[in-house]
N, C-alpha and C. Protein backbone atom coordinates (compact mmCIF):
# COMPACT_ATOMS: atom_id res chain seq x y z
N MET A 1 69.67 -24.37 121.27
CA MET A 1 69.42 -25.78 121.44
C MET A 1 69.41 -26.11 122.92
N THR A 2 70.09 -27.14 123.36
CA THR A 2 70.04 -27.56 124.74
C THR A 2 71.37 -27.31 125.42
N ASP A 3 71.35 -27.11 126.71
CA ASP A 3 72.57 -26.87 127.46
C ASP A 3 73.26 -28.18 127.84
N LEU A 4 72.50 -29.14 128.34
CA LEU A 4 73.04 -30.42 128.80
C LEU A 4 72.28 -31.55 128.15
N PRO A 5 72.94 -32.70 127.97
CA PRO A 5 72.16 -33.85 127.50
C PRO A 5 71.01 -34.12 128.45
N LEU A 6 69.87 -34.54 127.90
CA LEU A 6 68.69 -34.78 128.72
C LEU A 6 68.93 -35.81 129.80
N ASP A 7 69.85 -36.75 129.57
CA ASP A 7 70.09 -37.79 130.56
C ASP A 7 71.20 -37.44 131.54
N GLU A 8 71.69 -36.20 131.52
CA GLU A 8 72.75 -35.81 132.43
C GLU A 8 72.38 -34.59 133.27
N ALA A 9 71.12 -34.42 133.57
CA ALA A 9 70.71 -33.30 134.42
C ALA A 9 71.29 -33.49 135.82
N ASP A 10 71.42 -32.42 136.57
CA ASP A 10 72.10 -32.43 137.86
C ASP A 10 71.63 -33.51 138.81
N ASP A 11 70.33 -33.68 138.97
CA ASP A 11 69.80 -34.60 139.96
C ASP A 11 69.27 -35.89 139.35
N GLY A 12 69.79 -36.28 138.23
CA GLY A 12 69.28 -37.47 137.56
C GLY A 12 68.27 -37.08 136.51
N PRO A 13 67.78 -38.06 135.78
CA PRO A 13 66.92 -37.75 134.64
C PRO A 13 65.47 -37.44 134.98
N GLY A 14 65.00 -37.78 136.18
CA GLY A 14 63.61 -37.53 136.54
C GLY A 14 63.43 -36.16 137.17
N PHE A 15 62.25 -35.95 137.73
CA PHE A 15 61.97 -34.67 138.36
C PHE A 15 60.89 -34.84 139.42
N ASP A 16 60.75 -33.84 140.28
CA ASP A 16 59.63 -33.76 141.20
C ASP A 16 59.00 -32.38 141.06
N VAL A 17 58.01 -32.08 141.89
CA VAL A 17 57.28 -30.82 141.72
C VAL A 17 58.14 -29.59 141.98
N ASP A 18 59.27 -29.77 142.65
CA ASP A 18 60.12 -28.62 142.98
C ASP A 18 61.29 -28.40 142.04
N ASP A 19 61.69 -29.43 141.26
CA ASP A 19 62.90 -29.26 140.46
C ASP A 19 62.73 -29.51 138.96
N TRP A 20 61.52 -29.49 138.46
CA TRP A 20 61.28 -29.76 137.04
C TRP A 20 61.89 -28.73 136.12
N ARG A 21 62.10 -27.51 136.61
CA ARG A 21 62.63 -26.44 135.75
C ARG A 21 64.08 -26.68 135.33
N ARG A 22 64.78 -27.56 136.03
CA ARG A 22 66.18 -27.82 135.71
C ARG A 22 66.35 -28.74 134.50
N LEU A 23 65.25 -29.34 134.02
CA LEU A 23 65.35 -30.25 132.89
C LEU A 23 65.88 -29.52 131.66
N ALA A 24 66.81 -30.15 130.98
CA ALA A 24 67.37 -29.58 129.76
C ALA A 24 66.31 -29.62 128.66
N ILE A 25 66.31 -28.60 127.84
CA ILE A 25 65.34 -28.53 126.74
C ILE A 25 66.08 -28.62 125.41
N PHE A 26 65.33 -28.97 124.38
CA PHE A 26 65.85 -28.97 123.01
C PHE A 26 64.95 -28.03 122.22
N THR A 27 65.51 -26.93 121.77
CA THR A 27 64.72 -25.93 121.05
C THR A 27 65.61 -25.20 120.06
N GLY A 28 65.00 -24.51 119.13
CA GLY A 28 65.74 -23.72 118.17
C GLY A 28 66.12 -24.46 116.91
N ALA A 29 65.85 -25.76 116.85
CA ALA A 29 66.16 -26.57 115.67
C ALA A 29 65.31 -27.82 115.71
N VAL A 30 65.20 -28.49 114.57
CA VAL A 30 64.53 -29.78 114.50
C VAL A 30 65.57 -30.84 114.84
N ALA A 31 65.22 -31.76 115.71
CA ALA A 31 66.16 -32.77 116.18
C ALA A 31 66.50 -33.78 115.10
N THR A 32 67.73 -34.24 115.15
CA THR A 32 68.20 -35.31 114.27
C THR A 32 68.41 -36.57 115.09
N LEU A 33 68.64 -37.68 114.40
CA LEU A 33 68.94 -38.93 115.09
C LEU A 33 70.20 -38.78 115.94
N ASP A 34 71.18 -38.02 115.46
CA ASP A 34 72.39 -37.77 116.25
C ASP A 34 72.06 -37.06 117.56
N ASP A 35 71.11 -36.11 117.53
CA ASP A 35 70.69 -35.42 118.75
C ASP A 35 70.07 -36.39 119.75
N VAL A 36 69.25 -37.30 119.27
CA VAL A 36 68.63 -38.29 120.15
C VAL A 36 69.68 -39.23 120.72
N GLN A 37 70.56 -39.74 119.87
CA GLN A 37 71.60 -40.67 120.32
C GLN A 37 72.55 -40.03 121.32
N ALA A 38 72.75 -38.72 121.21
CA ALA A 38 73.62 -38.00 122.15
C ALA A 38 72.88 -37.58 123.41
N GLY A 39 71.57 -37.84 123.48
CA GLY A 39 70.80 -37.48 124.66
C GLY A 39 70.38 -36.03 124.70
N ARG A 40 70.51 -35.32 123.60
CA ARG A 40 70.12 -33.91 123.56
C ARG A 40 68.65 -33.71 123.27
N ALA A 41 68.01 -34.71 122.62
CA ALA A 41 66.61 -34.62 122.21
C ALA A 41 65.90 -35.92 122.56
N VAL A 42 64.59 -35.84 122.69
CA VAL A 42 63.77 -37.02 123.00
C VAL A 42 63.47 -37.80 121.74
N PHE A 43 63.21 -37.11 120.62
CA PHE A 43 62.81 -37.80 119.39
C PHE A 43 63.36 -37.09 118.16
N ALA A 44 63.42 -37.85 117.08
CA ALA A 44 63.70 -37.34 115.74
C ALA A 44 62.77 -38.13 114.83
N LEU A 45 61.93 -37.45 114.08
CA LEU A 45 60.95 -38.12 113.24
C LEU A 45 61.46 -38.31 111.83
N ALA A 46 61.20 -39.49 111.29
CA ALA A 46 61.46 -39.79 109.88
C ALA A 46 60.10 -39.89 109.19
N ASP A 47 60.11 -40.01 107.90
CA ASP A 47 58.86 -40.18 107.14
C ASP A 47 57.88 -39.04 107.32
N THR A 48 58.37 -37.84 107.57
CA THR A 48 57.53 -36.65 107.62
C THR A 48 58.18 -35.59 106.76
N THR A 49 57.44 -34.54 106.48
CA THR A 49 57.98 -33.45 105.66
C THR A 49 57.80 -32.12 106.39
N GLU A 50 58.48 -31.14 105.88
CA GLU A 50 58.39 -29.77 106.39
C GLU A 50 58.52 -29.67 107.91
N PRO A 51 59.52 -30.31 108.51
CA PRO A 51 59.67 -30.21 109.96
C PRO A 51 60.09 -28.80 110.37
N ARG A 52 59.55 -28.35 111.48
CA ARG A 52 59.93 -27.05 112.02
C ARG A 52 59.68 -27.05 113.52
N VAL A 53 60.27 -26.08 114.17
CA VAL A 53 60.13 -25.94 115.62
C VAL A 53 58.72 -25.43 115.93
N LEU A 54 58.10 -26.01 116.92
CA LEU A 54 56.82 -25.52 117.45
C LEU A 54 57.17 -24.52 118.56
N GLU A 55 56.85 -23.27 118.32
CA GLU A 55 57.20 -22.22 119.27
C GLU A 55 56.33 -22.33 120.53
N MET A 56 56.96 -22.64 121.65
CA MET A 56 56.28 -22.64 122.94
C MET A 56 57.34 -22.56 124.02
N ASP A 57 56.94 -22.07 125.19
CA ASP A 57 57.87 -21.98 126.31
C ASP A 57 58.16 -23.38 126.81
N LEU A 58 59.44 -23.69 126.95
CA LEU A 58 59.90 -24.97 127.47
C LEU A 58 60.89 -24.73 128.59
N PRO A 59 60.96 -25.56 129.58
CA PRO A 59 60.13 -26.74 129.83
C PRO A 59 58.71 -26.34 130.22
N GLN A 60 57.76 -27.23 129.92
CA GLN A 60 56.34 -26.96 130.14
C GLN A 60 55.69 -28.16 130.83
N PRO A 61 55.18 -27.98 132.07
CA PRO A 61 54.44 -29.08 132.70
C PRO A 61 53.19 -29.44 131.88
N VAL A 62 52.91 -30.72 131.78
CA VAL A 62 51.73 -31.20 131.06
C VAL A 62 51.12 -32.38 131.79
N ILE A 63 49.85 -32.59 131.54
CA ILE A 63 49.19 -33.84 131.90
C ILE A 63 48.94 -34.55 130.58
N TRP A 64 49.54 -35.72 130.46
CA TRP A 64 49.48 -36.50 129.22
C TRP A 64 48.38 -37.52 129.36
N TRP A 65 47.47 -37.50 128.41
CA TRP A 65 46.36 -38.44 128.39
C TRP A 65 46.74 -39.59 127.48
N GLU A 66 47.16 -40.71 128.08
CA GLU A 66 47.57 -41.88 127.32
C GLU A 66 46.60 -43.03 127.55
N GLU A 67 46.87 -44.16 126.94
CA GLU A 67 45.97 -45.32 127.04
C GLU A 67 45.71 -45.75 128.48
N ASP A 68 46.74 -45.68 129.31
CA ASP A 68 46.62 -46.14 130.70
C ASP A 68 46.07 -45.08 131.64
N GLY A 69 45.66 -43.94 131.12
CA GLY A 69 45.14 -42.86 131.95
C GLY A 69 46.02 -41.63 131.86
N GLU A 70 45.88 -40.76 132.84
CA GLU A 70 46.65 -39.52 132.82
C GLU A 70 47.98 -39.70 133.54
N GLN A 71 48.97 -38.94 133.06
CA GLN A 71 50.31 -39.02 133.62
C GLN A 71 50.94 -37.65 133.58
N ALA A 72 51.65 -37.30 134.64
CA ALA A 72 52.38 -36.04 134.67
C ALA A 72 53.64 -36.16 133.84
N ALA A 73 54.00 -35.08 133.19
CA ALA A 73 55.22 -35.04 132.40
C ALA A 73 55.64 -33.58 132.24
N VAL A 74 56.82 -33.39 131.67
CA VAL A 74 57.28 -32.05 131.32
C VAL A 74 57.73 -32.10 129.86
N ALA A 75 57.17 -31.23 129.05
CA ALA A 75 57.58 -31.13 127.64
C ALA A 75 58.92 -30.40 127.58
N VAL A 76 59.88 -31.02 126.88
CA VAL A 76 61.21 -30.43 126.73
C VAL A 76 61.59 -30.23 125.26
N GLN A 77 60.73 -30.67 124.35
CA GLN A 77 60.97 -30.55 122.92
C GLN A 77 59.62 -30.40 122.23
N ALA A 78 59.54 -29.56 121.21
CA ALA A 78 58.27 -29.33 120.52
C ALA A 78 58.53 -29.05 119.04
N GLU A 79 57.92 -29.88 118.17
CA GLU A 79 58.13 -29.73 116.74
C GLU A 79 56.81 -29.91 115.98
N ILE A 80 56.77 -29.38 114.77
CA ILE A 80 55.63 -29.57 113.86
C ILE A 80 56.16 -30.33 112.65
N HIS A 81 55.43 -31.35 112.25
CA HIS A 81 55.78 -32.15 111.07
C HIS A 81 54.51 -32.39 110.26
N LEU A 82 54.67 -32.60 108.97
CA LEU A 82 53.56 -33.02 108.13
C LEU A 82 53.72 -34.52 107.87
N SER A 83 52.63 -35.26 108.07
CA SER A 83 52.67 -36.69 107.80
C SER A 83 52.65 -36.92 106.29
N VAL A 84 52.86 -38.18 105.88
CA VAL A 84 52.82 -38.50 104.46
C VAL A 84 51.45 -38.23 103.86
N ASP A 85 50.41 -38.19 104.72
CA ASP A 85 49.04 -37.88 104.28
C ASP A 85 48.75 -36.39 104.30
N GLY A 86 49.75 -35.56 104.65
CA GLY A 86 49.56 -34.12 104.70
C GLY A 86 48.96 -33.61 106.00
N GLU A 87 48.82 -34.49 107.00
CA GLU A 87 48.28 -34.09 108.30
C GLU A 87 49.36 -33.37 109.11
N THR A 88 48.98 -32.25 109.73
CA THR A 88 49.90 -31.52 110.59
C THR A 88 49.99 -32.21 111.94
N LEU A 89 51.21 -32.55 112.33
CA LEU A 89 51.45 -33.21 113.62
C LEU A 89 52.24 -32.27 114.52
N GLU A 90 51.66 -31.90 115.65
CA GLU A 90 52.37 -31.10 116.65
C GLU A 90 52.83 -32.08 117.72
N VAL A 91 54.15 -32.31 117.75
CA VAL A 91 54.72 -33.40 118.52
C VAL A 91 55.57 -32.85 119.67
N LEU A 92 55.40 -33.46 120.84
CA LEU A 92 56.16 -33.06 122.03
C LEU A 92 57.05 -34.21 122.49
N GLY A 93 58.24 -33.86 122.92
CA GLY A 93 59.12 -34.79 123.62
C GLY A 93 58.92 -34.55 125.11
N LEU A 94 58.57 -35.61 125.83
CA LEU A 94 58.24 -35.50 127.25
C LEU A 94 59.28 -36.21 128.12
N ILE A 95 59.51 -35.65 129.29
CA ILE A 95 60.26 -36.33 130.34
C ILE A 95 59.26 -36.65 131.43
N LEU A 96 59.31 -37.89 131.92
CA LEU A 96 58.40 -38.37 132.96
C LEU A 96 59.07 -38.24 134.32
N PRO A 97 58.31 -38.21 135.41
CA PRO A 97 58.91 -38.05 136.73
C PRO A 97 59.98 -39.10 137.06
N ASP A 98 59.83 -40.31 136.54
CA ASP A 98 60.81 -41.36 136.83
C ASP A 98 62.05 -41.28 135.95
N GLY A 99 62.09 -40.29 135.06
CA GLY A 99 63.25 -40.11 134.19
C GLY A 99 63.06 -40.71 132.81
N GLY A 100 61.99 -41.45 132.61
CA GLY A 100 61.71 -41.98 131.29
C GLY A 100 61.31 -40.86 130.34
N SER A 101 61.24 -41.20 129.07
CA SER A 101 60.82 -40.21 128.09
C SER A 101 59.69 -40.80 127.26
N ALA A 102 58.96 -39.91 126.60
CA ALA A 102 57.83 -40.33 125.77
C ALA A 102 57.62 -39.27 124.69
N ILE A 103 56.88 -39.67 123.69
CA ILE A 103 56.50 -38.76 122.61
C ILE A 103 54.98 -38.68 122.60
N ALA A 104 54.45 -37.47 122.51
CA ALA A 104 52.99 -37.30 122.52
C ALA A 104 52.62 -36.19 121.54
N LEU A 105 51.42 -36.28 121.02
CA LEU A 105 50.87 -35.19 120.23
C LEU A 105 50.37 -34.11 121.17
N LEU A 106 50.49 -32.87 120.75
CA LEU A 106 50.02 -31.75 121.56
C LEU A 106 48.55 -31.91 121.93
N GLU A 107 47.76 -32.48 121.02
CA GLU A 107 46.34 -32.67 121.28
C GLU A 107 46.06 -33.69 122.38
N ASP A 108 47.07 -34.48 122.77
CA ASP A 108 46.90 -35.49 123.80
C ASP A 108 47.41 -35.06 125.17
N VAL A 109 47.73 -33.77 125.31
CA VAL A 109 48.19 -33.27 126.60
C VAL A 109 47.41 -32.01 126.97
N ASP A 110 47.36 -31.76 128.26
CA ASP A 110 46.86 -30.49 128.78
C ASP A 110 48.07 -29.72 129.28
N LEU A 111 48.28 -28.51 128.78
CA LEU A 111 49.33 -27.64 129.30
C LEU A 111 48.85 -27.09 130.63
N VAL A 112 49.66 -27.25 131.66
CA VAL A 112 49.27 -26.82 133.00
C VAL A 112 50.37 -25.99 133.63
N ASP A 113 50.02 -25.35 134.70
CA ASP A 113 50.96 -24.62 135.53
C ASP A 113 51.48 -25.58 136.60
N ASP A 114 52.69 -25.34 137.11
CA ASP A 114 53.23 -26.26 138.12
C ASP A 114 52.50 -26.18 139.46
N THR A 115 51.54 -25.26 139.58
CA THR A 115 50.71 -25.21 140.79
C THR A 115 49.43 -26.01 140.63
N ASP A 116 49.19 -26.57 139.45
CA ASP A 116 47.99 -27.35 139.20
C ASP A 116 47.96 -28.56 140.15
N PRO A 117 46.91 -28.68 140.99
CA PRO A 117 46.88 -29.76 141.98
C PRO A 117 46.86 -31.15 141.35
N ALA A 118 46.23 -31.32 140.21
CA ALA A 118 46.20 -32.64 139.56
C ALA A 118 47.60 -33.02 139.09
N TRP A 119 48.32 -32.09 138.48
CA TRP A 119 49.68 -32.36 138.01
C TRP A 119 50.59 -32.68 139.19
N ARG A 120 50.50 -31.88 140.27
CA ARG A 120 51.35 -32.10 141.44
C ARG A 120 51.06 -33.47 142.06
N ASP A 121 49.79 -33.86 142.11
CA ASP A 121 49.43 -35.16 142.67
C ASP A 121 49.98 -36.30 141.79
N LEU A 122 49.86 -36.15 140.48
CA LEU A 122 50.38 -37.18 139.57
C LEU A 122 51.90 -37.30 139.69
N VAL A 123 52.59 -36.18 139.81
CA VAL A 123 54.05 -36.22 139.99
C VAL A 123 54.39 -36.91 141.31
N ALA A 124 53.73 -36.50 142.38
CA ALA A 124 54.02 -37.09 143.70
C ALA A 124 53.79 -38.60 143.70
N ARG A 125 52.69 -39.03 143.09
CA ARG A 125 52.40 -40.48 143.02
C ARG A 125 53.47 -41.21 142.20
N ALA A 126 53.89 -40.61 141.12
CA ALA A 126 54.93 -41.24 140.27
C ALA A 126 56.26 -41.32 141.01
N VAL A 127 56.63 -40.24 141.70
CA VAL A 127 57.88 -40.21 142.44
C VAL A 127 57.83 -41.20 143.59
N ASP A 128 56.73 -41.22 144.34
CA ASP A 128 56.59 -42.16 145.46
C ASP A 128 56.64 -43.60 144.96
N GLY A 129 56.01 -43.87 143.82
CA GLY A 129 56.04 -45.22 143.25
C GLY A 129 57.42 -45.62 142.80
N ALA A 130 58.19 -44.68 142.24
CA ALA A 130 59.56 -44.96 141.80
C ALA A 130 60.45 -45.24 142.99
N GLU A 131 60.27 -44.48 144.07
CA GLU A 131 61.09 -44.69 145.27
C GLU A 131 60.78 -46.03 145.92
N GLY A 132 59.51 -46.42 145.89
CA GLY A 132 59.11 -47.68 146.49
C GLY A 132 59.65 -48.87 145.72
N GLY A 133 59.97 -48.68 144.42
CA GLY A 133 60.45 -49.77 143.59
C GLY A 133 61.94 -50.00 143.69
N ASP A 134 62.68 -49.13 144.40
CA ASP A 134 64.15 -49.28 144.51
C ASP A 134 64.54 -50.37 145.47
């Protein structure tokens, strides 16, 4: 499972291009509401069936394609669930550079390497924007 609660990482809950690997991950089990409330997991899904772990290396840098455009994130949780309609959902728990969290479908992200210039630029812009808002 995870070593530290997601909200108690050494340097705070966010990350930059140099320290994203320190983010705590949740793996080896399907998360429960207790895991989320304790800060060990990003999400726990209800109203789905046959939940199981999605095997992938974590933490994993991603570019998340959301309504407002692309955003850098790091996947720290990965699960597969079946919807009530029988649709397979590959779901990721994401940590954002500012320390926020999000849930995304695997199909809505690009898995990238931490040397990817687009990912590094998105992280830098998010970190610079967060620092400017303090």
